[in-house]
Amino acid sequence: MNRKDIVMGLIIAVIVAFFLSPLASSWPDGLEKVARDHGFMVKGEQGSVFKSPIPDYIFPGLKNEKMATAISGLLGTLVIFGIGYGLASLLKKNKD
């Protein structure tokens, strides 16, 4: 895979993350629904090991919820791409 393919993939992923993340359902996912239905949702929210920098995909400081979600999706995509690209680069160096 060449750099052009990687850049094109990243551009497509960024566009999808930015424009489609605000359209995500606000309904709880399956795990959240089960936790609410069986009354242990509060236990899971109490003692978090890590504090989320963007809790519930709401970007701090932005009042427009759709824009905050879009920016959260964009940042998440870029962070995961960076981690994946970095790991791939390290593994490729070790292989050579």
N, C-alpha and C. Protein backbone atom coordinates (compact mmCIF):
# COMPACT_ATOMS: atom_id res chain seq x y z
N MET A 1 0.85 -1.17 0.00
CA MET A 1 0.00 0.00 0.00
C MET A 1 0.90 1.23 0.00
N ASN A 2 0.65 2.14 -0.90
CA ASN A 2 1.48 3.34 -0.98
C ASN A 2 0.87 4.49 -0.18
N ARG A 3 1.61 5.57 -0.05
CA ARG A 3 1.16 6.72 0.75
C ARG A 3 -0.12 7.33 0.21
N LYS A 4 -0.28 7.36 -1.10
CA LYS A 4 -1.49 7.94 -1.70
C LYS A 4 -2.73 7.18 -1.23
N ASP A 5 -2.65 5.85 -1.18
CA ASP A 5 -3.78 5.04 -0.71
C ASP A 5 -4.08 5.32 0.77
N ILE A 6 -3.03 5.45 1.55
CA ILE A 6 -3.20 5.72 2.98
C ILE A 6 -3.85 7.08 3.19
N VAL A 7 -3.37 8.09 2.48
CA VAL A 7 -3.93 9.45 2.61
C VAL A 7 -5.39 9.47 2.15
N MET A 8 -5.68 8.81 1.04
CA MET A 8 -7.07 8.76 0.54
C MET A 8 -7.98 8.06 1.55
N GLY A 9 -7.50 6.97 2.13
CA GLY A 9 -8.28 6.27 3.15
C GLY A 9 -8.54 7.14 4.36
N LEU A 10 -7.51 7.87 4.78
CA LEU A 10 -7.67 8.77 5.93
C LEU A 10 -8.66 9.88 5.61
N ILE A 11 -8.58 10.45 4.42
CA ILE A 11 -9.52 11.51 4.04
C ILE A 11 -10.95 10.99 4.04
N ILE A 12 -11.16 9.81 3.49
CA ILE A 12 -12.51 9.22 3.48
C ILE A 12 -12.99 8.97 4.90
N ALA A 13 -12.11 8.41 5.76
CA ALA A 13 -12.49 8.13 7.14
C ALA A 13 -12.83 9.42 7.89
N VAL A 14 -12.08 10.49 7.66
CA VAL A 14 -12.33 11.77 8.32
C VAL A 14 -13.67 12.36 7.87
N ILE A 15 -13.93 12.28 6.57
CA ILE A 15 -15.20 12.80 6.05
C ILE A 15 -16.38 12.02 6.64
N VAL A 16 -16.27 10.70 6.65
CA VAL A 16 -17.34 9.86 7.20
C VAL A 16 -17.53 10.16 8.69
N ALA A 17 -16.43 10.23 9.44
CA ALA A 17 -16.52 10.48 10.88
C ALA A 17 -17.15 11.84 11.16
N PHE A 18 -16.75 12.86 10.41
CA PHE A 18 -17.24 14.21 10.69
C PHE A 18 -18.72 14.37 10.31
N PHE A 19 -19.10 13.84 9.15
CA PHE A 19 -20.46 14.08 8.67
C PHE A 19 -21.49 13.05 9.13
N LEU A 20 -21.06 11.84 9.45
CA LEU A 20 -22.03 10.83 9.84
C LEU A 20 -22.15 10.64 11.35
N SER A 21 -21.13 11.02 12.12
CA SER A 21 -21.23 10.83 13.57
C SER A 21 -22.38 11.61 14.20
N PRO A 22 -22.73 12.82 13.72
CA PRO A 22 -23.89 13.51 14.31
C PRO A 22 -25.21 12.79 14.04
N LEU A 23 -25.23 11.88 13.07
CA LEU A 23 -26.46 11.15 12.75
C LEU A 23 -26.63 9.87 13.57
N ALA A 24 -25.67 9.57 14.42
CA ALA A 24 -25.74 8.36 15.23
C ALA A 24 -26.95 8.41 16.17
N SER A 25 -27.48 7.27 16.46
CA SER A 25 -28.67 7.18 17.31
C SER A 25 -28.35 7.63 18.74
N SER A 26 -29.27 8.34 19.34
CA SER A 26 -29.09 8.75 20.73
C SER A 26 -29.62 7.69 21.69
N TRP A 27 -30.23 6.64 21.16
CA TRP A 27 -30.72 5.55 21.99
C TRP A 27 -29.54 4.74 22.52
N PRO A 28 -29.70 4.13 23.69
CA PRO A 28 -28.58 3.37 24.25
C PRO A 28 -28.27 2.13 23.41
N ASP A 29 -27.00 1.72 23.43
CA ASP A 29 -26.64 0.50 22.73
C ASP A 29 -27.11 -0.71 23.56
N GLY A 30 -26.87 -1.90 23.07
CA GLY A 30 -27.37 -3.10 23.73
C GLY A 30 -26.88 -3.27 25.16
N LEU A 31 -25.60 -3.03 25.38
CA LEU A 31 -25.03 -3.18 26.72
C LEU A 31 -25.62 -2.17 27.70
N GLU A 32 -25.78 -0.93 27.26
CA GLU A 32 -26.39 0.09 28.11
C GLU A 32 -27.83 -0.25 28.44
N LYS A 33 -28.57 -0.75 27.46
CA LYS A 33 -29.98 -1.10 27.68
C LYS A 33 -30.11 -2.21 28.71
N VAL A 34 -29.28 -3.23 28.60
CA VAL A 34 -29.31 -4.34 29.56
C VAL A 34 -28.96 -3.83 30.95
N ALA A 35 -27.95 -2.96 31.04
CA ALA A 35 -27.55 -2.41 32.34
C ALA A 35 -28.67 -1.60 32.96
N ARG A 36 -29.38 -0.83 32.17
CA ARG A 36 -30.51 -0.05 32.69
C ARG A 36 -31.67 -0.95 33.08
N ASP A 37 -31.97 -1.93 32.22
CA ASP A 37 -33.10 -2.83 32.49
C ASP A 37 -32.89 -3.66 33.75
N HIS A 38 -31.64 -4.01 34.04
CA HIS A 38 -31.36 -4.86 35.21
C HIS A 38 -30.83 -4.08 36.40
N GLY A 39 -30.81 -2.76 36.31
CA GLY A 39 -30.52 -1.91 37.45
C GLY A 39 -29.07 -1.81 37.88
N PHE A 40 -28.12 -2.13 37.03
CA PHE A 40 -26.73 -1.98 37.45
C PHE A 40 -25.98 -0.92 36.65
N MET A 41 -26.71 -0.03 36.01
CA MET A 41 -26.11 1.06 35.25
C MET A 41 -25.32 1.99 36.16
N VAL A 42 -25.83 2.28 37.34
CA VAL A 42 -25.18 3.20 38.27
C VAL A 42 -23.85 2.63 38.75
N LYS A 43 -23.78 1.33 38.96
CA LYS A 43 -22.53 0.72 39.41
C LYS A 43 -21.42 0.90 38.38
N GLY A 44 -21.75 0.81 37.12
CA GLY A 44 -20.77 0.95 36.07
C GLY A 44 -20.29 2.38 35.88
N GLU A 45 -21.07 3.34 36.30
CA GLU A 45 -20.71 4.74 36.12
C GLU A 45 -19.93 5.31 37.30
N GLN A 46 -19.86 4.60 38.41
CA GLN A 46 -19.26 5.14 39.62
C GLN A 46 -17.73 5.18 39.60
N GLY A 47 -17.10 4.07 39.54
CA GLY A 47 -15.65 4.02 39.69
C GLY A 47 -14.93 3.76 38.39
N SER A 48 -14.85 4.76 37.57
CA SER A 48 -14.18 4.61 36.28
C SER A 48 -12.67 4.59 36.47
N VAL A 49 -11.99 3.70 35.77
CA VAL A 49 -10.54 3.60 35.85
C VAL A 49 -9.89 4.79 35.14
N PHE A 50 -10.41 5.14 33.97
CA PHE A 50 -9.90 6.25 33.19
C PHE A 50 -10.98 7.32 33.05
N LYS A 51 -10.57 8.57 33.06
CA LYS A 51 -11.52 9.65 32.83
C LYS A 51 -11.49 9.99 31.35
N SER A 52 -12.65 9.97 30.72
CA SER A 52 -12.74 10.24 29.30
C SER A 52 -12.51 11.72 29.01
N PRO A 53 -11.68 12.03 28.01
CA PRO A 53 -11.49 13.45 27.67
C PRO A 53 -12.71 14.04 26.96
N ILE A 54 -13.52 13.17 26.34
CA ILE A 54 -14.72 13.61 25.63
C ILE A 54 -15.88 12.69 26.05
N PRO A 55 -16.42 12.86 27.27
CA PRO A 55 -17.47 11.97 27.73
C PRO A 55 -18.75 12.07 26.89
N ASP A 56 -19.29 10.92 26.53
CA ASP A 56 -20.52 10.82 25.74
C ASP A 56 -20.44 11.60 24.43
N TYR A 57 -19.24 11.71 23.88
CA TYR A 57 -19.00 12.36 22.58
C TYR A 57 -19.40 13.83 22.56
N ILE A 58 -19.47 14.44 23.72
CA ILE A 58 -19.78 15.87 23.80
C ILE A 58 -18.48 16.61 24.05
N PHE A 59 -18.05 17.37 23.04
CA PHE A 59 -16.78 18.07 23.12
C PHE A 59 -16.92 19.25 24.07
N PRO A 60 -16.05 19.34 25.08
CA PRO A 60 -16.16 20.44 26.06
C PRO A 60 -16.03 21.81 25.40
N GLY A 61 -16.89 22.72 25.80
CA GLY A 61 -16.81 24.09 25.32
C GLY A 61 -17.69 24.40 24.12
N LEU A 62 -18.23 23.39 23.47
CA LEU A 62 -19.11 23.63 22.32
C LEU A 62 -20.56 23.44 22.74
N LYS A 63 -21.38 24.42 22.45
CA LYS A 63 -22.78 24.34 22.84
C LYS A 63 -23.63 23.61 21.81
N ASN A 64 -23.19 23.62 20.55
CA ASN A 64 -23.91 22.92 19.50
C ASN A 64 -23.58 21.43 19.58
N GLU A 65 -24.56 20.63 19.99
CA GLU A 65 -24.33 19.20 20.24
C GLU A 65 -23.91 18.44 18.98
N LYS A 66 -24.52 18.77 17.85
CA LYS A 66 -24.17 18.10 16.58
C LYS A 66 -22.73 18.40 16.19
N MET A 67 -22.30 19.64 16.32
CA MET A 67 -20.93 20.01 15.99
C MET A 67 -19.94 19.36 16.96
N ALA A 68 -20.31 19.32 18.24
CA ALA A 68 -19.45 18.67 19.24
C ALA A 68 -19.27 17.20 18.93
N THR A 69 -20.34 16.53 18.52
CA THR A 69 -20.26 15.12 18.16
C THR A 69 -19.41 14.93 16.91
N ALA A 70 -19.56 15.80 15.94
CA ALA A 70 -18.78 15.72 14.71
C ALA A 70 -17.28 15.89 14.99
N ILE A 71 -16.95 16.85 15.83
CA ILE A 71 -15.55 17.08 16.17
C ILE A 71 -14.99 15.91 16.98
N SER A 72 -15.81 15.34 17.85
CA SER A 72 -15.38 14.16 18.61
C SER A 72 -15.09 13.00 17.67
N GLY A 73 -15.95 12.80 16.70
CA GLY A 73 -15.72 11.73 15.71
C GLY A 73 -14.46 11.98 14.90
N LEU A 74 -14.23 13.22 14.52
CA LEU A 74 -13.04 13.59 13.77
C LEU A 74 -11.77 13.34 14.59
N LEU A 75 -11.76 13.82 15.82
CA LEU A 75 -10.59 13.63 16.68
C LEU A 75 -10.34 12.15 16.97
N GLY A 76 -11.40 11.40 17.22
CA GLY A 76 -11.25 9.98 17.47
C GLY A 76 -10.65 9.26 16.28
N THR A 77 -11.09 9.61 15.09
CA THR A 77 -10.55 9.01 13.87
C THR A 77 -9.07 9.33 13.72
N LEU A 78 -8.71 10.58 13.94
CA LEU A 78 -7.30 10.98 13.81
C LEU A 78 -6.41 10.32 14.86
N VAL A 79 -6.90 10.21 16.09
CA VAL A 79 -6.11 9.57 17.15
C VAL A 79 -5.88 8.10 16.83
N ILE A 80 -6.95 7.39 16.45
CA ILE A 80 -6.81 5.97 16.14
C ILE A 80 -5.92 5.76 14.91
N PHE A 81 -6.05 6.63 13.91
CA PHE A 81 -5.17 6.54 12.75
C PHE A 81 -3.72 6.73 13.18
N GLY A 82 -3.46 7.73 14.01
CA GLY A 82 -2.10 7.99 14.48
C GLY A 82 -1.51 6.81 15.23
N ILE A 83 -2.31 6.20 16.10
CA ILE A 83 -1.85 5.04 16.85
C ILE A 83 -1.56 3.87 15.90
N GLY A 84 -2.48 3.62 14.98
CA GLY A 84 -2.30 2.53 14.03
C GLY A 84 -1.11 2.76 13.12
N TYR A 85 -0.95 3.97 12.62
CA TYR A 85 0.17 4.29 11.73
C TYR A 85 1.50 4.18 12.48
N GLY A 86 1.50 4.64 13.72
CA GLY A 86 2.72 4.55 14.53
C GLY A 86 3.11 3.10 14.80
N LEU A 87 2.13 2.29 15.17
CA LEU A 87 2.42 0.87 15.42
C LEU A 87 2.89 0.18 14.15
N ALA A 88 2.24 0.47 13.03
CA ALA A 88 2.66 -0.14 11.76
C ALA A 88 4.08 0.28 11.39
N SER A 89 4.43 1.53 11.64
CA SER A 89 5.78 1.99 11.35
C SER A 89 6.81 1.28 12.22
N LEU A 90 6.49 1.12 13.50
CA LEU A 90 7.40 0.40 14.41
C LEU A 90 7.56 -1.05 14.00
N LEU A 91 6.47 -1.70 13.66
CA LEU A 91 6.55 -3.10 13.26
C LEU A 91 7.31 -3.27 11.95
N LYS A 92 7.15 -2.32 11.05
CA LYS A 92 7.86 -2.40 9.78
C LYS A 92 9.36 -2.21 9.99
N LYS A 93 9.75 -1.29 10.89
CA LYS A 93 11.18 -1.09 11.19
C LYS A 93 11.78 -2.34 11.79
N ASN A 94 11.04 -2.99 12.69
CA ASN A 94 11.54 -4.21 13.32
C ASN A 94 11.67 -5.35 12.31
N LYS A 95 10.81 -5.37 11.33
CA LYS A 95 10.85 -6.41 10.31
C LYS A 95 12.05 -6.24 9.38
N ASP A 96 12.37 -4.99 9.08
CA ASP A 96 13.50 -4.69 8.20
C ASP A 96 14.77 -4.91 8.96
